[in-house]
């Protein structure tokens, strides 16, 4: 039997594994992003009495911004991989779903930044 006539060739399965690896990589970058956000909030909580007053807020905000940047870079990278591949058996996550996750992380980071600068945290 010719390999092309089989329903699932080795190439098809390799693409599926690549799509799944891409989704795991995206999840890893989202965890890294959330970790950066947690570092920012934690830094502000631990060092909120540091002088000048704006310094702990600025450092915490930098980590929040870094978390948002990481999640959107992950969306861009995962989307580029999904566009290059043609899934056969396993449907990949839709780019819109990845963007929804990134938007949720971004809104959460923005809310935390607002709370830090308005004095609601720490």
PDB file of N, CA and C in Angstrom:
ATOM      1  N   UNK A   1       0.845  -1.185   0.000  1.00  0.00           N
ATOM      2  CA  UNK A   1       0.000   0.000   0.000  1.00  0.00           C
ATOM      3  C   UNK A   1       0.889   1.247   0.000  1.00  0.00           C
ATOM      4  N   UNK A   2       0.588   2.156  -0.877  1.00  0.00           N
ATOM      5  CA  UNK A   2       1.320   3.402  -0.982  1.00  0.00           C
ATOM      6  C   UNK A   2       1.077   4.254   0.261  1.00  0.00           C
ATOM      7  N   UNK A   3       2.126   4.928   0.742  1.00  0.00           N
ATOM      8  CA  UNK A   3       2.004   5.742   1.963  1.00  0.00           C
ATOM      9  C   UNK A   3       0.988   6.865   1.795  1.00  0.00           C
ATOM     10  N   UNK A   4       0.869   7.404   0.605  1.00  0.00           N
ATOM     11  CA  UNK A   4      -0.083   8.499   0.375  1.00  0.00           C
ATOM     12  C   UNK A   4      -1.537   8.028   0.419  1.00  0.00           C
ATOM     13  N   UNK A   5      -1.762   6.755   0.177  1.00  0.00           N
ATOM     14  CA  UNK A   5      -3.134   6.256   0.170  1.00  0.00           C
ATOM     15  C   UNK A   5      -3.631   5.914   1.572  1.00  0.00           C
ATOM     16  N   UNK A   6      -2.710   5.803   2.515  1.00  0.00           N
ATOM     17  CA  UNK A   6      -3.145   5.540   3.889  1.00  0.00           C
ATOM     18  C   UNK A   6      -3.792   6.792   4.466  1.00  0.00           C
ATOM     19  N   UNK A   7      -4.785   6.633   5.345  1.00  0.00           N
ATOM     20  CA  UNK A   7      -5.462   7.813   5.887  1.00  0.00           C
ATOM     21  C   UNK A   7      -4.544   8.686   6.732  1.00  0.00           C
ATOM     22  N   UNK A   8      -3.603   8.093   7.453  1.00  0.00           N
ATOM     23  CA  UNK A   8      -2.719   8.862   8.323  1.00  0.00           C
ATOM     24  C   UNK A   8      -1.281   8.476   8.025  1.00  0.00           C
ATOM     25  N   UNK A   9      -0.587   9.305   7.339  1.00  0.00           N
ATOM     26  CA  UNK A   9       0.813   9.023   7.064  1.00  0.00           C
ATOM     27  C   UNK A   9       1.663   9.514   8.217  1.00  0.00           C
ATOM     28  N   UNK A  10       2.906   9.119   8.203  1.00  0.00           N
ATOM     29  CA  UNK A  10       3.826   9.553   9.263  1.00  0.00           C
ATOM     30  C   UNK A  10       3.942  11.073   9.276  1.00  0.00           C
ATOM     31  N   UNK A  11       3.883  11.702   8.131  1.00  0.00           N
ATOM     32  CA  UNK A  11       3.971  13.155   8.056  1.00  0.00           C
ATOM     33  C   UNK A  11       2.770  13.805   8.725  1.00  0.00           C
ATOM     34  N   UNK A  12       1.590  13.243   8.501  1.00  0.00           N
ATOM     35  CA  UNK A  12       0.387  13.789   9.135  1.00  0.00           C
ATOM     36  C   UNK A  12       0.520  13.735  10.655  1.00  0.00           C
ATOM     37  N   UNK A  13       0.974  12.603  11.153  1.00  0.00           N
ATOM     38  CA  UNK A  13       1.123  12.455  12.599  1.00  0.00           C
ATOM     39  C   UNK A  13       2.210  13.369  13.147  1.00  0.00           C
ATOM     40  N   UNK A  14       3.263  13.589  12.389  1.00  0.00           N
ATOM     41  CA  UNK A  14       4.322  14.510  12.822  1.00  0.00           C
ATOM     42  C   UNK A  14       3.783  15.937  12.926  1.00  0.00           C
ATOM     43  N   UNK A  15       2.948  16.314  11.957  1.00  0.00           N
ATOM     44  CA  UNK A  15       2.345  17.651  12.028  1.00  0.00           C
ATOM     45  C   UNK A  15       1.444  17.771  13.252  1.00  0.00           C
ATOM     46  N   UNK A  16       0.706  16.724  13.553  1.00  0.00           N
ATOM     47  CA  UNK A  16      -0.160  16.750  14.731  1.00  0.00           C
ATOM     48  C   UNK A  16       0.671  16.902  16.003  1.00  0.00           C
ATOM     49  N   UNK A  17       1.776  16.179  16.082  1.00  0.00           N
ATOM     50  CA  UNK A  17       2.643  16.299  17.258  1.00  0.00           C
ATOM     51  C   UNK A  17       3.231  17.703  17.350  1.00  0.00           C
ATOM     52  N   UNK A  18       3.547  18.277  16.207  1.00  0.00           N
ATOM     53  CA  UNK A  18       4.079  19.638  16.197  1.00  0.00           C
ATOM     54  C   UNK A  18       3.028  20.634  16.682  1.00  0.00           C
ATOM     55  N   UNK A  19       1.785  20.463  16.254  1.00  0.00           N
ATOM     56  CA  UNK A  19       0.709  21.348  16.722  1.00  0.00           C
ATOM     57  C   UNK A  19       0.528  21.234  18.231  1.00  0.00           C
ATOM     58  N   UNK A  20       0.542  20.011  18.736  1.00  0.00           N
ATOM     59  CA  UNK A  20       0.391  19.819  20.177  1.00  0.00           C
ATOM     60  C   UNK A  20       1.579  20.412  20.933  1.00  0.00           C
ATOM     61  N   UNK A  21       2.778  20.265  20.396  1.00  0.00           N
ATOM     62  CA  UNK A  21       3.957  20.863  21.024  1.00  0.00           C
ATOM     63  C   UNK A  21       3.847  22.387  21.020  1.00  0.00           C
ATOM     64  N   UNK A  22       3.305  22.939  19.938  1.00  0.00           N
ATOM     65  CA  UNK A  22       3.106  24.381  19.851  1.00  0.00           C
ATOM     66  C   UNK A  22       2.144  24.860  20.945  1.00  0.00           C
ATOM     67  N   UNK A  23       1.086  24.113  21.174  1.00  0.00           N
ATOM     68  CA  UNK A  23       0.131  24.487  22.219  1.00  0.00           C
ATOM     69  C   UNK A  23       0.765  24.380  23.604  1.00  0.00           C
ATOM     70  N   UNK A  24       1.588  23.360  23.832  1.00  0.00           N
ATOM     71  CA  UNK A  24       2.278  23.236  25.125  1.00  0.00           C
ATOM     72  C   UNK A  24       3.270  24.383  25.319  1.00  0.00           C
ATOM     73  N   UNK A  25       3.935  24.755  24.238  1.00  0.00           N
ATOM     74  CA  UNK A  25       4.877  25.874  24.320  1.00  0.00           C
ATOM     75  C   UNK A  25       4.138  27.166  24.635  1.00  0.00           C
ATOM     76  N   UNK A  26       3.003  27.373  23.994  1.00  0.00           N
ATOM     77  CA  UNK A  26       2.197  28.562  24.287  1.00  0.00           C
ATOM     78  C   UNK A  26       1.797  28.579  25.758  1.00  0.00           C
ATOM     79  N   UNK A  27       1.353  27.437  26.267  1.00  0.00           N
ATOM     80  CA  UNK A  27       0.970  27.365  27.679  1.00  0.00           C
ATOM     81  C   UNK A  27       2.159  27.694  28.586  1.00  0.00           C
ATOM     82  N   UNK A  28       3.345  27.251  28.209  1.00  0.00           N
ATOM     83  CA  UNK A  28       4.541  27.576  28.989  1.00  0.00           C
ATOM     84  C   UNK A  28       4.827  29.065  29.007  1.00  0.00           C
ATOM     85  N   UNK A  29       4.667  29.705  27.860  1.00  0.00           N
ATOM     86  CA  UNK A  29       4.876  31.154  27.810  1.00  0.00           C
ATOM     87  C   UNK A  29       3.815  31.900  28.606  1.00  0.00           C
ATOM     88  N   UNK A  30       2.584  31.404  28.607  1.00  0.00           N
ATOM     89  CA  UNK A  30       1.535  32.033  29.424  1.00  0.00           C
ATOM     90  C   UNK A  30       1.894  31.899  30.908  1.00  0.00           C
ATOM     91  N   UNK A  31       2.394  30.728  31.310  1.00  0.00           N
ATOM     92  CA  UNK A  31       2.827  30.563  32.709  1.00  0.00           C
ATOM     93  C   UNK A  31       3.956  31.528  33.050  1.00  0.00           C
ATOM     94  N   UNK A  32       4.886  31.710  32.129  1.00  0.00           N
ATOM     95  CA  UNK A  32       5.977  32.664  32.350  1.00  0.00           C
ATOM     96  C   UNK A  32       5.427  34.081  32.493  1.00  0.00           C
ATOM     97  N   UNK A  33       4.467  34.417  31.657  1.00  0.00           N
ATOM     98  CA  UNK A  33       3.834  35.730  31.712  1.00  0.00           C
ATOM     99  C   UNK A  33       3.159  35.958  33.062  1.00  0.00           C
ATOM    100  N   UNK A  34       2.406  34.976  33.508  1.00  0.00           N
ATOM    101  CA  UNK A  34       1.719  35.097  34.795  1.00  0.00           C
ATOM    102  C   UNK A  34       2.740  35.159  35.932  1.00  0.00           C
ATOM    103  N   UNK A  35       3.855  34.448  35.775  1.00  0.00           N
ATOM    104  CA  UNK A  35       4.927  34.532  36.765  1.00  0.00           C
ATOM    105  C   UNK A  35       5.504  35.938  36.864  1.00  0.00           C
ATOM    106  N   UNK A  36       5.699  36.595  35.726  1.00  0.00           N
ATOM    107  CA  UNK A  36       6.194  37.983  35.730  1.00  0.00           C
ATOM    108  C   UNK A  36       5.201  38.904  36.435  1.00  0.00           C
ATOM    109  N   UNK A  37       3.934  38.693  36.177  1.00  0.00           N
ATOM    110  CA  UNK A  37       2.907  39.514  36.823  1.00  0.00           C
ATOM    111  C   UNK A  37       2.934  39.281  38.329  1.00  0.00           C
ATOM    112  N   UNK A  38       3.086  38.029  38.741  1.00  0.00           N
ATOM    113  CA  UNK A  38       3.151  37.712  40.171  1.00  0.00           C
ATOM    114  C   UNK A  38       4.382  38.342  40.821  1.00  0.00           C
ATOM    115  N   UNK A  39       5.508  38.344  40.114  1.00  0.00           N
ATOM    116  CA  UNK A  39       6.713  38.987  40.648  1.00  0.00           C
ATOM    117  C   UNK A  39       6.461  40.472  40.849  1.00  0.00           C
ATOM    118  N   UNK A  40       5.799  41.109  39.894  1.00  0.00           N
ATOM    119  CA  UNK A  40       5.501  42.534  40.024  1.00  0.00           C
ATOM    120  C   UNK A  40       4.632  42.838  41.226  1.00  0.00           C
ATOM    121  N   UNK A  41       3.572  42.064  41.392  1.00  0.00           N
ATOM    122  CA  UNK A  41       2.685  42.283  42.546  1.00  0.00           C
ATOM    123  C   UNK A  41       3.425  41.979  43.844  1.00  0.00           C
ATOM    124  N   UNK A  42       4.197  40.896  43.843  1.00  0.00           N
ATOM    125  CA  UNK A  42       4.959  40.538  45.038  1.00  0.00           C
ATOM    126  C   UNK A  42       6.005  41.581  45.388  1.00  0.00           C
ATOM    127  N   UNK A  43       6.689  42.103  44.379  1.00  0.00           N
ATOM    128  CA  UNK A  43       7.680  43.146  44.624  1.00  0.00           C
ATOM    129  C   UNK A  43       7.026  44.360  45.269  1.00  0.00           C
ATOM    130  N   UNK A  44       5.901  44.750  44.725  1.00  0.00           N
ATOM    131  CA  UNK A  44       5.213  45.916  45.291  1.00  0.00           C
ATOM    132  C   UNK A  44       4.771  45.652  46.723  1.00  0.00           C
ATOM    133  N   UNK A  45       4.276  44.462  46.983  1.00  0.00           N
ATOM    134  CA  UNK A  45       3.818  44.131  48.332  1.00  0.00           C
ATOM    135  C   UNK A  45       4.977  44.119  49.331  1.00  0.00           C
ATOM    136  N   UNK A  46       6.133  43.622  48.919  1.00  0.00           N
ATOM    137  CA  UNK A  46       7.270  43.528  49.837  1.00  0.00           C
ATOM    138  C   UNK A  46       8.022  44.849  50.007  1.00  0.00           C
ATOM    139  N   UNK A  47       8.070  45.647  48.969  1.00  0.00           N
ATOM    140  CA  UNK A  47       8.902  46.852  49.004  1.00  0.00           C
ATOM    141  C   UNK A  47       8.097  48.142  48.848  1.00  0.00           C
ATOM    142  N   UNK A  48       6.837  48.139  49.249  1.00  0.00           N
ATOM    143  CA  UNK A  48       5.999  49.318  49.026  1.00  0.00           C
ATOM    144  C   UNK A  48       6.389  50.505  49.900  1.00  0.00           C
ATOM    145  N   UNK A  49       7.225  50.306  50.905  1.00  0.00           N
ATOM    146  CA  UNK A  49       7.685  51.420  51.752  1.00  0.00           C
ATOM    147  C   UNK A  49       9.011  51.994  51.275  1.00  0.00           C
ATOM    148  N   UNK A  50       9.534  51.469  50.179  1.00  0.00           N
ATOM    149  CA  UNK A  50      10.808  51.920  49.636  1.00  0.00           C
ATOM    150  C   UNK A  50      10.690  53.375  49.178  1.00  0.00           C
ATOM    151  N   UNK A  51      11.781  54.098  49.281  1.00  0.00           N
ATOM    152  CA  UNK A  51      11.808  55.494  48.850  1.00  0.00           C
ATOM    153  C   UNK A  51      12.622  55.608  47.572  1.00  0.00           C
ATOM    154  N   UNK A  52      12.269  56.451  46.656  1.00  0.00           N
ATOM    155  CA  UNK A  52      11.074  57.275  46.597  1.00  0.00           C
ATOM    156  C   UNK A  52       9.813  56.424  46.396  1.00  0.00           C
ATOM    157  N   UNK A  53       8.675  57.021  46.727  1.00  0.00           N
ATOM    158  CA  UNK A  53       7.404  56.298  46.708  1.00  0.00           C
ATOM    159  C   UNK A  53       7.073  55.667  45.354  1.00  0.00           C
ATOM    160  N   UNK A  54       7.468  56.305  44.291  1.00  0.00           N
ATOM    161  CA  UNK A  54       7.118  55.812  42.964  1.00  0.00           C
ATOM    162  C   UNK A  54       7.969  54.615  42.532  1.00  0.00           C
ATOM    163  N   UNK A  55       9.118  54.401  43.159  1.00  0.00           N
ATOM    164  CA  UNK A  55      10.049  53.352  42.716  1.00  0.00           C
ATOM    165  C   UNK A  55       9.440  51.947  42.756  1.00  0.00           C
ATOM    166  N   UNK A  56       8.834  51.510  43.884  1.00  0.00           N
ATOM    167  CA  UNK A  56       8.268  50.160  43.865  1.00  0.00           C
ATOM    168  C   UNK A  56       7.104  50.030  42.871  1.00  0.00           C
ATOM    169  N   UNK A  57       6.366  51.100  42.681  1.00  0.00           N
ATOM    170  CA  UNK A  57       5.274  51.076  41.708  1.00  0.00           C
ATOM    171  C   UNK A  57       5.817  50.929  40.293  1.00  0.00           C
ATOM    172  N   UNK A  58       6.879  51.670  40.003  1.00  0.00           N
ATOM    173  CA  UNK A  58       7.465  51.615  38.664  1.00  0.00           C
ATOM    174  C   UNK A  58       8.065  50.233  38.383  1.00  0.00           C
ATOM    175  N   UNK A  59       8.761  49.667  39.360  1.00  0.00           N
ATOM    176  CA  UNK A  59       9.364  48.343  39.169  1.00  0.00           C
ATOM    177  C   UNK A  59       8.272  47.293  39.005  1.00  0.00           C
ATOM    178  N   UNK A  60       7.243  47.358  39.840  1.00  0.00           N
ATOM    179  CA  UNK A  60       6.126  46.416  39.725  1.00  0.00           C
ATOM    180  C   UNK A  60       5.438  46.568  38.375  1.00  0.00           C
ATOM    181  N   UNK A  61       5.257  47.799  37.936  1.00  0.00           N
ATOM    182  CA  UNK A  61       4.613  48.042  36.641  1.00  0.00           C
ATOM    183  C   UNK A  61       5.455  47.496  35.504  1.00  0.00           C
ATOM    184  N   UNK A  62       6.776  47.570  35.631  1.00  0.00           N
ATOM    185  CA  UNK A  62       7.649  47.021  34.596  1.00  0.00           C
ATOM    186  C   UNK A  62       7.419  45.518  34.461  1.00  0.00           C
ATOM    187  N   UNK A  63       7.333  44.802  35.592  1.00  0.00           N
ATOM    188  CA  UNK A  63       7.084  43.365  35.532  1.00  0.00           C
ATOM    189  C   UNK A  63       5.692  43.064  34.968  1.00  0.00           C
ATOM    190  N   UNK A  64       4.704  43.894  35.287  1.00  0.00           N
ATOM    191  CA  UNK A  64       3.374  43.711  34.705  1.00  0.00           C
ATOM    192  C   UNK A  64       3.419  43.899  33.190  1.00  0.00           C
ATOM    193  N   UNK A  65       4.100  44.945  32.761  1.00  0.00           N
ATOM    194  CA  UNK A  65       4.256  45.190  31.324  1.00  0.00           C
ATOM    195  C   UNK A  65       4.990  44.033  30.653  1.00  0.00           C
ATOM    196  N   UNK A  66       6.044  43.536  31.297  1.00  0.00           N
ATOM    197  CA  UNK A  66       6.807  42.423  30.750  1.00  0.00           C
ATOM    198  C   UNK A  66       5.923  41.185  30.592  1.00  0.00           C
ATOM    199  N   UNK A  67       5.064  40.924  31.580  1.00  0.00           N
ATOM    200  CA  UNK A  67       4.136  39.797  31.486  1.00  0.00           C
ATOM    201  C   UNK A  67       3.190  39.933  30.310  1.00  0.00           C
ATOM    202  N   UNK A  68       2.682  41.128  30.099  1.00  0.00           N
ATOM    203  CA  UNK A  68       1.776  41.369  28.963  1.00  0.00           C
ATOM    204  C   UNK A  68       2.531  41.207  27.645  1.00  0.00           C
ATOM    205  N   UNK A  69       3.737  41.733  27.570  1.00  0.00           N
ATOM    206  CA  UNK A  69       4.527  41.610  26.340  1.00  0.00           C
ATOM    207  C   UNK A  69       4.818  40.140  26.028  1.00  0.00           C
ATOM    208  N   UNK A  70       5.154  39.361  27.034  1.00  0.00           N
ATOM    209  CA  UNK A  70       5.470  37.951  26.822  1.00  0.00           C
ATOM    210  C   UNK A  70       4.260  37.199  26.283  1.00  0.00           C
ATOM    211  N   UNK A  71       3.085  37.432  26.847  1.00  0.00           N
ATOM    212  CA  UNK A  71       1.909  36.683  26.392  1.00  0.00           C
ATOM    213  C   UNK A  71       1.547  37.043  24.954  1.00  0.00           C
ATOM    214  N   UNK A  72       1.710  38.303  24.563  1.00  0.00           N
ATOM    215  CA  UNK A  72       1.384  38.677  23.182  1.00  0.00           C
ATOM    216  C   UNK A  72       2.446  38.190  22.201  1.00  0.00           C
ATOM    217  N   UNK A  73       3.704  38.128  22.633  1.00  0.00           N
ATOM    218  CA  UNK A  73       4.727  37.520  21.774  1.00  0.00           C
ATOM    219  C   UNK A  73       4.456  36.030  21.593  1.00  0.00           C
ATOM    220  N   UNK A  74       3.953  35.390  22.641  1.00  0.00           N
ATOM    221  CA  UNK A  74       3.597  33.967  22.541  1.00  0.00           C
ATOM    222  C   UNK A  74       2.455  33.761  21.553  1.00  0.00           C
ATOM    223  N   UNK A  75       1.462  34.645  21.569  1.00  0.00           N
ATOM    224  CA  UNK A  75       0.359  34.548  20.603  1.00  0.00           C
ATOM    225  C   UNK A  75       0.901  34.685  19.186  1.00  0.00           C
ATOM    226  N   UNK A  76       1.785  35.631  18.992  1.00  0.00           N
ATOM    227  CA  UNK A  76       2.355  35.856  17.659  1.00  0.00           C
ATOM    228  C   UNK A  76       3.121  34.623  17.180  1.00  0.00           C
ATOM    229  N   UNK A  77       3.935  34.069  18.063  1.00  0.00           N
ATOM    230  CA  UNK A  77       4.742  32.898  17.683  1.00  0.00           C
ATOM    231  C   UNK A  77       3.858  31.677  17.428  1.00  0.00           C
ATOM    232  N   UNK A  78       2.914  31.419  18.324  1.00  0.00           N
ATOM    233  CA  UNK A  78       2.033  30.254  18.149  1.00  0.00           C
ATOM    234  C   UNK A  78       1.184  30.404  16.890  1.00  0.00           C
ATOM    235  N   UNK A  79       0.722  31.606  16.622  1.00  0.00           N
ATOM    236  CA  UNK A  79      -0.066  31.853  15.415  1.00  0.00           C
ATOM    237  C   UNK A  79       0.739  31.610  14.153  1.00  0.00           C
ATOM    238  N   UNK A  80       2.004  31.997  14.169  1.00  0.00           N
ATOM    239  CA  UNK A  80       2.853  31.781  12.995  1.00  0.00           C
ATOM    240  C   UNK A  80       3.055  30.291  12.740  1.00  0.00           C
ATOM    241  N   UNK A  81       3.225  29.524  13.806  1.00  0.00           N
ATOM    242  CA  UNK A  81       3.388  28.077  13.639  1.00  0.00           C
ATOM    243  C   UNK A  81       2.093  27.465  13.101  1.00  0.00           C
ATOM    244  N   UNK A  82       0.958  27.879  13.648  1.00  0.00           N
ATOM    245  CA  UNK A  82      -0.328  27.327  13.197  1.00  0.00           C
ATOM    246  C   UNK A  82      -0.596  27.645  11.729  1.00  0.00           C
ATOM    247  N   UNK A  83      -0.181  28.816  11.274  1.00  0.00           N
ATOM    248  CA  UNK A  83      -0.402  29.182   9.880  1.00  0.00           C
ATOM    249  C   UNK A  83       0.446  28.345   8.924  1.00  0.00           C
ATOM    250  N   UNK A  84       1.641  27.942   9.372  1.00  0.00           N
ATOM    251  CA  UNK A  84       2.522  27.154   8.509  1.00  0.00           C
ATOM    252  C   UNK A  84       2.088  25.701   8.392  1.00  0.00           C
ATOM    253  N   UNK A  85       1.370  25.201   9.388  1.00  0.00           N
ATOM    254  CA  UNK A  85       0.991  23.792   9.393  1.00  0.00           C
ATOM    255  C   UNK A  85      -0.441  23.604   8.933  1.00  0.00           C
ATOM    256  N   UNK A  86      -0.713  22.421   8.454  1.00  0.00           N
ATOM    257  CA  UNK A  86      -2.053  22.065   8.018  1.00  0.00           C
ATOM    258  C   UNK A  86      -2.496  20.874   8.861  1.00  0.00           C
ATOM    259  N   UNK A  87      -3.290  21.090   9.911  1.00  0.00           N
ATOM    260  CA  UNK A  87      -3.653  19.974  10.783  1.00  0.00           C
ATOM    261  C   UNK A  87      -4.525  18.951  10.061  1.00  0.00           C
ATOM    262  N   UNK A  88      -4.223  17.686  10.277  1.00  0.00           N
ATOM    263  CA  UNK A  88      -4.972  16.619   9.621  1.00  0.00           C
ATOM    264  C   UNK A  88      -5.930  15.932  10.576  1.00  0.00           C
ATOM    265  N   UNK A  89      -5.424  15.449  11.676  1.00  0.00           N
ATOM    266  CA  UNK A  89      -6.232  14.650  12.585  1.00  0.00           C
ATOM    267  C   UNK A  89      -6.660  15.460  13.798  1.00  0.00           C
ATOM    268  N   UNK A  90      -5.714  16.160  14.367  1.00  0.00           N
ATOM    269  CA  UNK A  90      -5.978  16.900  15.600  1.00  0.00           C
ATOM    270  C   UNK A  90      -6.146  18.365  15.259  1.00  0.00           C
ATOM    271  N   UNK A  91      -7.273  18.915  15.602  1.00  0.00           N
ATOM    272  CA  UNK A  91      -7.500  20.326  15.361  1.00  0.00           C
ATOM    273  C   UNK A  91      -6.730  21.156  16.366  1.00  0.00           C
ATOM    274  N   UNK A  92      -6.020  22.158  15.904  1.00  0.00           N
ATOM    275  CA  UNK A  92      -5.248  23.001  16.811  1.00  0.00           C
ATOM    276  C   UNK A  92      -6.151  24.062  17.431  1.00  0.00           C
ATOM    277  N   UNK A  93      -5.620  24.684  18.481  1.00  0.00           N
ATOM    278  CA  UNK A  93      -6.334  25.791  19.094  1.00  0.00           C
ATOM    279  C   UNK A  93      -6.473  26.906  18.061  1.00  0.00           C
ATOM    280  N   UNK A  94      -7.589  27.566  18.084  1.00  0.00           N
ATOM    281  CA  UNK A  94      -7.777  28.661  17.142  1.00  0.00           C
ATOM    282  C   UNK A  94      -6.994  29.867  17.627  1.00  0.00           C
ATOM    283  N   UNK A  95      -6.498  30.646  16.691  1.00  0.00           N
ATOM    284  CA  UNK A  95      -5.737  31.837  17.063  1.00  0.00           C
ATOM    285  C   UNK A  95      -6.592  32.793  17.884  1.00  0.00           C
ATOM    286  N   UNK A  96      -7.878  32.819  17.595  1.00  0.00           N
ATOM    287  CA  UNK A  96      -8.775  33.691  18.357  1.00  0.00           C
ATOM    288  C   UNK A  96      -8.791  33.286  19.835  1.00  0.00           C
ATOM    289  N   UNK A  97      -8.738  31.982  20.122  1.00  0.00           N
ATOM    290  CA  UNK A  97      -8.705  31.523  21.508  1.00  0.00           C
ATOM    291  C   UNK A  97      -7.413  31.947  22.193  1.00  0.00           C
ATOM    292  N   UNK A  98      -6.304  31.891  21.466  1.00  0.00           N
ATOM    293  CA  UNK A  98      -5.036  32.337  22.031  1.00  0.00           C
ATOM    294  C   UNK A  98      -5.085  33.829  22.328  1.00  0.00           C
ATOM    295  N   UNK A  99      -5.683  34.577  21.439  1.00  0.00           N
ATOM    296  CA  UNK A  99      -5.814  36.019  21.651  1.00  0.00           C
ATOM    297  C   UNK A  99      -6.744  36.327  22.814  1.00  0.00           C
ATOM    298  N   UNK A 100      -7.757  35.512  23.013  1.00  0.00           N
ATOM    299  CA  UNK A 100      -8.654  35.684  24.148  1.00  0.00           C
ATOM    300  C   UNK A 100      -7.905  35.474  25.459  1.00  0.00           C
ATOM    301  N   UNK A 101      -7.067  34.449  25.517  1.00  0.00           N
ATOM    302  CA  UNK A 101      -6.249  34.204  26.707  1.00  0.00           C
ATOM    303  C   UNK A 101      -5.312  35.380  26.953  1.00  0.00           C
ATOM    304  N   UNK A 102      -4.655  35.849  25.903  1.00  0.00           N
ATOM    305  CA  UNK A 102      -3.739  36.976  26.034  1.00  0.00           C
ATOM    306  C   UNK A 102      -4.474  38.235  26.474  1.00  0.00           C
ATOM    307  N   UNK A 103      -5.677  38.447  25.978  1.00  0.00           N
ATOM    308  CA  UNK A 103      -6.469  39.610  26.383  1.00  0.00           C
ATOM    309  C   UNK A 103      -6.845  39.531  27.850  1.00  0.00           C
ATOM    310  N   UNK A 104      -7.213  38.345  28.312  1.00  0.00           N
ATOM    311  CA  UNK A 104      -7.565  38.180  29.726  1.00  0.00           C
ATOM    312  C   UNK A 104      -6.364  38.463  30.630  1.00  0.00           C
ATOM    313  N   UNK A 105      -5.192  37.951  30.248  1.00  0.00           N
ATOM    314  CA  UNK A 105      -3.978  38.218  31.024  1.00  0.00           C
ATOM    315  C   UNK A 105      -3.661  39.714  30.998  1.00  0.00           C
ATOM    316  N   UNK A 106      -3.806  40.340  29.842  1.00  0.00           N
ATOM    317  CA  UNK A 106      -3.523  41.772  29.709  1.00  0.00           C
ATOM    318  C   UNK A 106      -4.469  42.613  30.561  1.00  0.00           C
ATOM    319  N   UNK A 107      -5.756  42.286  30.526  1.00  0.00           N
ATOM    320  CA  UNK A 107      -6.721  43.038  31.342  1.00  0.00           C
ATOM    321  C   UNK A 107      -6.442  42.859  32.827  1.00  0.00           C
ATOM    322  N   UNK A 108      -6.089  41.648  33.227  1.00  0.00           N
ATOM    323  CA  UNK A 108      -5.746  41.412  34.630  1.00  0.00           C
ATOM    324  C   UNK A 108      -4.526  42.211  35.045  1.00  0.00           C
ATOM    325  N   UNK A 109      -3.505  42.248  34.198  1.00  0.00           N
ATOM    326  CA  UNK A 109      -2.303  43.020  34.507  1.00  0.00           C
ATOM    327  C   UNK A 109      -2.614  44.515  34.563  1.00  0.00           C
ATOM    328  N   UNK A 110      -3.452  44.992  33.656  1.00  0.00           N
ATOM    329  CA  UNK A 110      -3.827  46.408  33.668  1.00  0.00           C
ATOM    330  C   UNK A 110      -4.600  46.753  34.939  1.00  0.00           C
ATOM    331  N   UNK A 111      -5.481  45.865  35.368  1.00  0.00           N
ATOM    332  CA  UNK A 111      -6.224  46.105  36.608  1.00  0.00           C
ATOM    333  C   UNK A 111      -5.283  46.135  37.810  1.00  0.00           C
ATOM    334  N   UNK A 112      -4.315  45.236  37.832  1.00  0.00           N
ATOM    335  CA  UNK A 112      -3.335  45.241  38.922  1.00  0.00           C
ATOM    336  C   UNK A 112      -2.488  46.508  38.900  1.00  0.00           C
ATOM    337  N   UNK A 113      -2.067  46.942  37.713  1.00  0.00           N
ATOM    338  CA  UNK A 113      -1.288  48.176  37.615  1.00  0.00           C
ATOM    339  C   UNK A 113      -2.098  49.361  38.105  1.00  0.00           C
ATOM    340  N   UNK A 114      -3.361  49.426  37.728  1.00  0.00           N
ATOM    341  CA  UNK A 114      -4.215  50.512  38.204  1.00  0.00           C
ATOM    342  C   UNK A 114      -4.350  50.477  39.728  1.00  0.00           C
ATOM    343  N   UNK A 115      -4.527  49.290  40.269  1.00  0.00           N
ATOM    344  CA  UNK A 115      -4.651  49.157  41.725  1.00  0.00           C
ATOM    345  C   UNK A 115      -3.362  49.575  42.427  1.00  0.00           C
ATOM    346  N   UNK A 116      -2.227  49.222  41.854  1.00  0.00           N
ATOM    347  CA  UNK A 116      -0.940  49.605  42.453  1.00  0.00           C
ATOM    348  C   UNK A 116      -0.767  51.114  42.426  1.00  0.00           C
ATOM    349  N   UNK A 117      -1.048  51.738  41.310  1.00  0.00           N
ATOM    350  CA  UNK A 117      -0.835  53.188  41.188  1.00  0.00           C
ATOM    351  C   UNK A 117      -1.897  54.000  41.927  1.00  0.00           C
ATOM    352  N   UNK A 118      -3.086  53.440  42.099  1.00  0.00           N
ATOM    353  CA  UNK A 118      -4.136  54.165  42.817  1.00  0.00           C
ATOM    354  C   UNK A 118      -4.141  53.861  44.302  1.00  0.00           C
ATOM    355  N   UNK A 119      -3.236  52.993  44.746  1.00  0.00           N
ATOM    356  CA  UNK A 119      -3.098  52.725  46.175  1.00  0.00           C
ATOM    357  C   UNK A 119      -4.005  51.647  46.721  1.00  0.00           C
ATOM    358  N   UNK A 120      -4.660  50.866  45.879  1.00  0.00           N
ATOM    359  CA  UNK A 120      -5.568  49.837  46.374  1.00  0.00           C
ATOM    360  C   UNK A 120      -4.831  48.560  46.771  1.00  0.00           C
ATOM    361  N   UNK A 121      -3.563  48.429  46.343  1.00  0.00           N
ATOM    362  CA  UNK A 121      -2.761  47.254  46.686  1.00  0.00           C
ATOM    363  C   UNK A 121      -1.568  47.708  47.500  1.00  0.00           C
ATOM    364  N   UNK A 122      -1.274  46.986  48.585  1.00  0.00           N
ATOM    365  CA  UNK A 122      -0.098  47.274  49.389  1.00  0.00           C
ATOM    366  C   UNK A 122      -0.411  48.250  50.419  1.00  0.00           C
TER     367      UNK A 122
END
